[in-house]
Amino acid sequence: MAFVGEIALRTVLIFAWVLVALRVAGQRHLGQMNVYDLAMVMAVANGVQNAITSGSGDMRVGLTSATTLFALGWLLNRLSARNTRLHDVLAGHAVVLVNNGHLDETSCMREEITPEDLEKALRSVGLSRIEQARMIVLEVDGSLSVIPNE
């Protein structure tokens, strides 16, 4: 039973530390995650998992790993805010799929967007046909933004 209590305490401590680190590092809201943010979360999770479960690493190893990852993330965020090219490499960029009611089939194929994906996005704003959209954009977070014709 003491082992279970230790795991619970380690989990609470690591959770609190990660929560504080996320706030200090200025991470975006989870709903706005891009590929870079997801990679960061996965790396931190891997870095702290042994610290939580009393595996081969102790808490210092997990905290050091996560701290290093947060510091690297903070540095890359600062650099990418000043360098558009680096930002595009790390976070990607939006892709126009429909422009003035005309479908860009090449972009849709490259981004693996199906006609059903476009139809769903159109319905979400009350439209039924692509011609009714001035623009449909695949955002960096994977969502589709629809701008209707005036």
Protein backbone atom coordinates (compact mmCIF):
# COMPACT_ATOMS: atom_id res chain seq x y z
CA MET A 1 0.00 0.00 0.00
CA ALA A 2 2.93 2.34 0.65
CA PHE A 3 4.02 1.85 -2.96
CA VAL A 4 0.61 2.99 -4.25
CA GLY A 5 0.74 6.04 -1.97
CA GLU A 6 4.22 6.88 -3.25
CA ILE A 7 3.03 6.64 -6.86
CA ALA A 8 0.06 8.89 -6.07
CA LEU A 9 2.30 11.46 -4.36
CA ARG A 10 4.82 11.40 -7.23
CA THR A 11 1.98 11.87 -9.72
CA VAL A 12 0.60 14.87 -7.83
CA LEU A 13 4.07 16.45 -7.55
CA ILE A 14 4.93 15.93 -11.23
CA PHE A 15 1.48 17.16 -12.33
CA ALA A 16 1.82 20.32 -10.24
CA TRP A 17 5.33 20.93 -11.56
CA VAL A 18 4.28 20.42 -15.21
CA LEU A 19 1.27 22.70 -14.71
CA VAL A 20 3.49 25.48 -13.32
CA ALA A 21 6.07 24.91 -16.06
CA LEU A 22 3.40 25.18 -18.76
CA ARG A 23 2.17 28.47 -17.30
CA VAL A 24 5.70 29.88 -17.01
CA ALA A 25 6.68 28.71 -20.51
CA GLY A 26 3.58 30.44 -21.94
CA GLN A 27 2.28 27.46 -23.88
CA ARG A 28 -0.78 28.00 -26.03
CA HIS A 29 -4.19 26.61 -25.18
CA LEU A 30 -4.48 22.91 -25.95
CA GLY A 31 -7.26 23.59 -28.45
CA GLN A 32 -4.75 25.55 -30.50
CA MET A 33 -2.01 22.93 -30.53
CA ASN A 34 0.08 22.51 -33.63
CA VAL A 35 2.48 19.70 -34.51
CA TYR A 36 5.32 21.37 -32.60
CA ASP A 37 3.18 21.68 -29.44
CA LEU A 38 2.07 18.05 -29.68
CA ALA A 39 5.69 16.88 -30.02
CA MET A 40 6.58 18.93 -26.94
CA VAL A 41 3.76 17.39 -24.86
CA MET A 42 4.73 13.87 -25.96
CA ALA A 43 8.41 14.44 -25.14
CA VAL A 44 7.60 15.86 -21.70
CA ALA A 45 5.25 12.94 -21.01
CA ASN A 46 7.99 10.49 -21.89
CA GLY A 47 10.52 12.43 -19.82
CA VAL A 48 8.45 12.35 -16.63
CA GLN A 49 6.81 8.93 -16.88
CA ASN A 50 9.56 7.07 -14.98
CA ALA A 51 9.59 9.77 -12.33
CA ILE A 52 5.88 9.25 -11.78
CA THR A 53 5.91 5.44 -11.69
CA SER A 54 9.15 4.93 -9.74
CA GLY A 55 10.67 3.29 -12.81
CA SER A 56 14.38 3.23 -13.62
CA GLY A 57 14.71 7.01 -13.23
CA ASP A 58 14.10 9.02 -10.11
CA MET A 59 12.18 12.28 -9.87
CA ARG A 60 15.31 14.37 -10.48
CA VAL A 61 15.81 12.67 -13.85
CA GLY A 62 12.22 13.32 -14.94
CA LEU A 63 12.24 16.91 -13.71
CA THR A 64 15.60 17.62 -15.36
CA SER A 65 14.39 16.13 -18.64
CA ALA A 66 11.12 18.07 -18.57
CA THR A 67 12.86 21.31 -17.51
CA THR A 68 15.28 20.96 -20.42
CA LEU A 69 12.38 20.37 -22.81
CA PHE A 70 10.45 23.38 -21.50
CA ALA A 71 13.56 25.57 -21.78
CA LEU A 72 14.11 24.38 -25.34
CA GLY A 73 10.43 25.00 -26.13
CA TRP A 74 10.60 28.50 -24.64
CA LEU A 75 13.74 29.28 -26.68
CA LEU A 76 12.23 27.96 -29.91
CA ASN A 77 9.02 29.95 -29.28
CA ARG A 78 11.05 33.14 -28.79
CA LEU A 79 13.13 32.50 -31.91
CA SER A 80 10.15 31.54 -34.07
CA ALA A 81 8.28 34.69 -32.99
CA ARG A 82 11.12 36.70 -34.55
CA ASN A 83 11.78 34.49 -37.58
CA THR A 84 8.87 33.67 -39.90
CA ARG A 85 10.76 30.93 -41.71
CA LEU A 86 11.59 29.13 -38.45
CA HIS A 87 7.99 29.54 -37.32
CA ASP A 88 6.74 27.92 -40.53
CA VAL A 89 9.17 25.01 -40.08
CA LEU A 90 8.12 24.44 -36.45
CA ALA A 91 4.40 25.21 -36.58
CA GLY A 92 3.51 25.06 -40.26
CA HIS A 93 1.33 27.56 -42.09
CA ALA A 94 -2.28 27.84 -43.19
CA VAL A 95 -3.23 26.45 -46.61
CA VAL A 96 -5.98 27.91 -48.82
CA LEU A 97 -8.13 25.07 -50.14
CA VAL A 98 -10.93 27.09 -51.73
CA ASN A 99 -10.47 30.59 -53.14
CA ASN A 100 -13.42 32.57 -54.52
CA GLY A 101 -15.51 29.40 -54.69
CA HIS A 102 -12.88 27.48 -56.68
CA LEU A 103 -11.45 24.29 -55.20
CA ASP A 104 -7.66 23.83 -55.22
CA GLU A 105 -7.61 20.07 -55.77
CA THR A 106 -3.82 19.87 -55.57
CA SER A 107 -3.76 21.44 -52.10
CA CYS A 108 -6.62 19.22 -50.95
CA MET A 109 -4.81 16.09 -52.14
CA ARG A 110 -1.49 17.19 -50.61
CA GLU A 111 -3.17 17.97 -47.26
CA GLU A 112 -5.38 14.83 -47.46
CA ILE A 113 -8.61 16.82 -47.19
CA THR A 114 -11.59 14.87 -48.50
CA PRO A 115 -14.74 16.30 -50.10
CA GLU A 116 -16.58 15.14 -46.95
CA ASP A 117 -14.23 17.28 -44.80
CA LEU A 118 -15.06 20.33 -46.91
CA GLU A 119 -18.79 19.59 -46.88
CA LYS A 120 -18.75 19.30 -43.08
CA ALA A 121 -16.94 22.65 -42.78
CA LEU A 122 -19.44 24.26 -45.14
CA ARG A 123 -22.40 22.90 -43.15
CA SER A 124 -20.91 24.22 -39.92
CA VAL A 125 -21.44 27.78 -41.21
CA GLY A 126 -24.76 27.13 -42.92
CA LEU A 127 -23.50 26.68 -46.49
CA SER A 128 -24.19 23.78 -48.82
CA ARG A 129 -21.93 24.35 -51.85
CA ILE A 130 -18.28 25.27 -52.32
CA GLU A 131 -19.31 28.09 -54.65
CA GLN A 132 -20.89 29.81 -51.63
CA ALA A 133 -17.51 30.06 -49.90
CA ARG A 134 -15.17 32.92 -50.62
CA MET A 135 -12.42 30.95 -48.92
CA ILE A 136 -11.80 27.73 -47.01
CA VAL A 137 -8.51 27.56 -45.16
CA LEU A 138 -6.82 24.59 -43.48
CA GLU A 139 -5.45 26.18 -40.32
CA VAL A 140 -2.21 25.17 -38.62
CA ASP A 141 -4.14 23.38 -35.86
CA GLY A 142 -5.92 21.20 -38.45
CA SER A 143 -9.26 22.99 -38.33
CA LEU A 144 -11.02 24.30 -41.43
CA SER A 145 -12.05 27.96 -41.49
CA VAL A 146 -14.83 28.95 -43.89
CA ILE A 147 -15.35 32.52 -45.06
CA PRO A 148 -18.70 32.81 -46.87
CA ASN A 149 -19.30 35.04 -49.86
CA GLU A 150 -20.80 38.40 -48.96
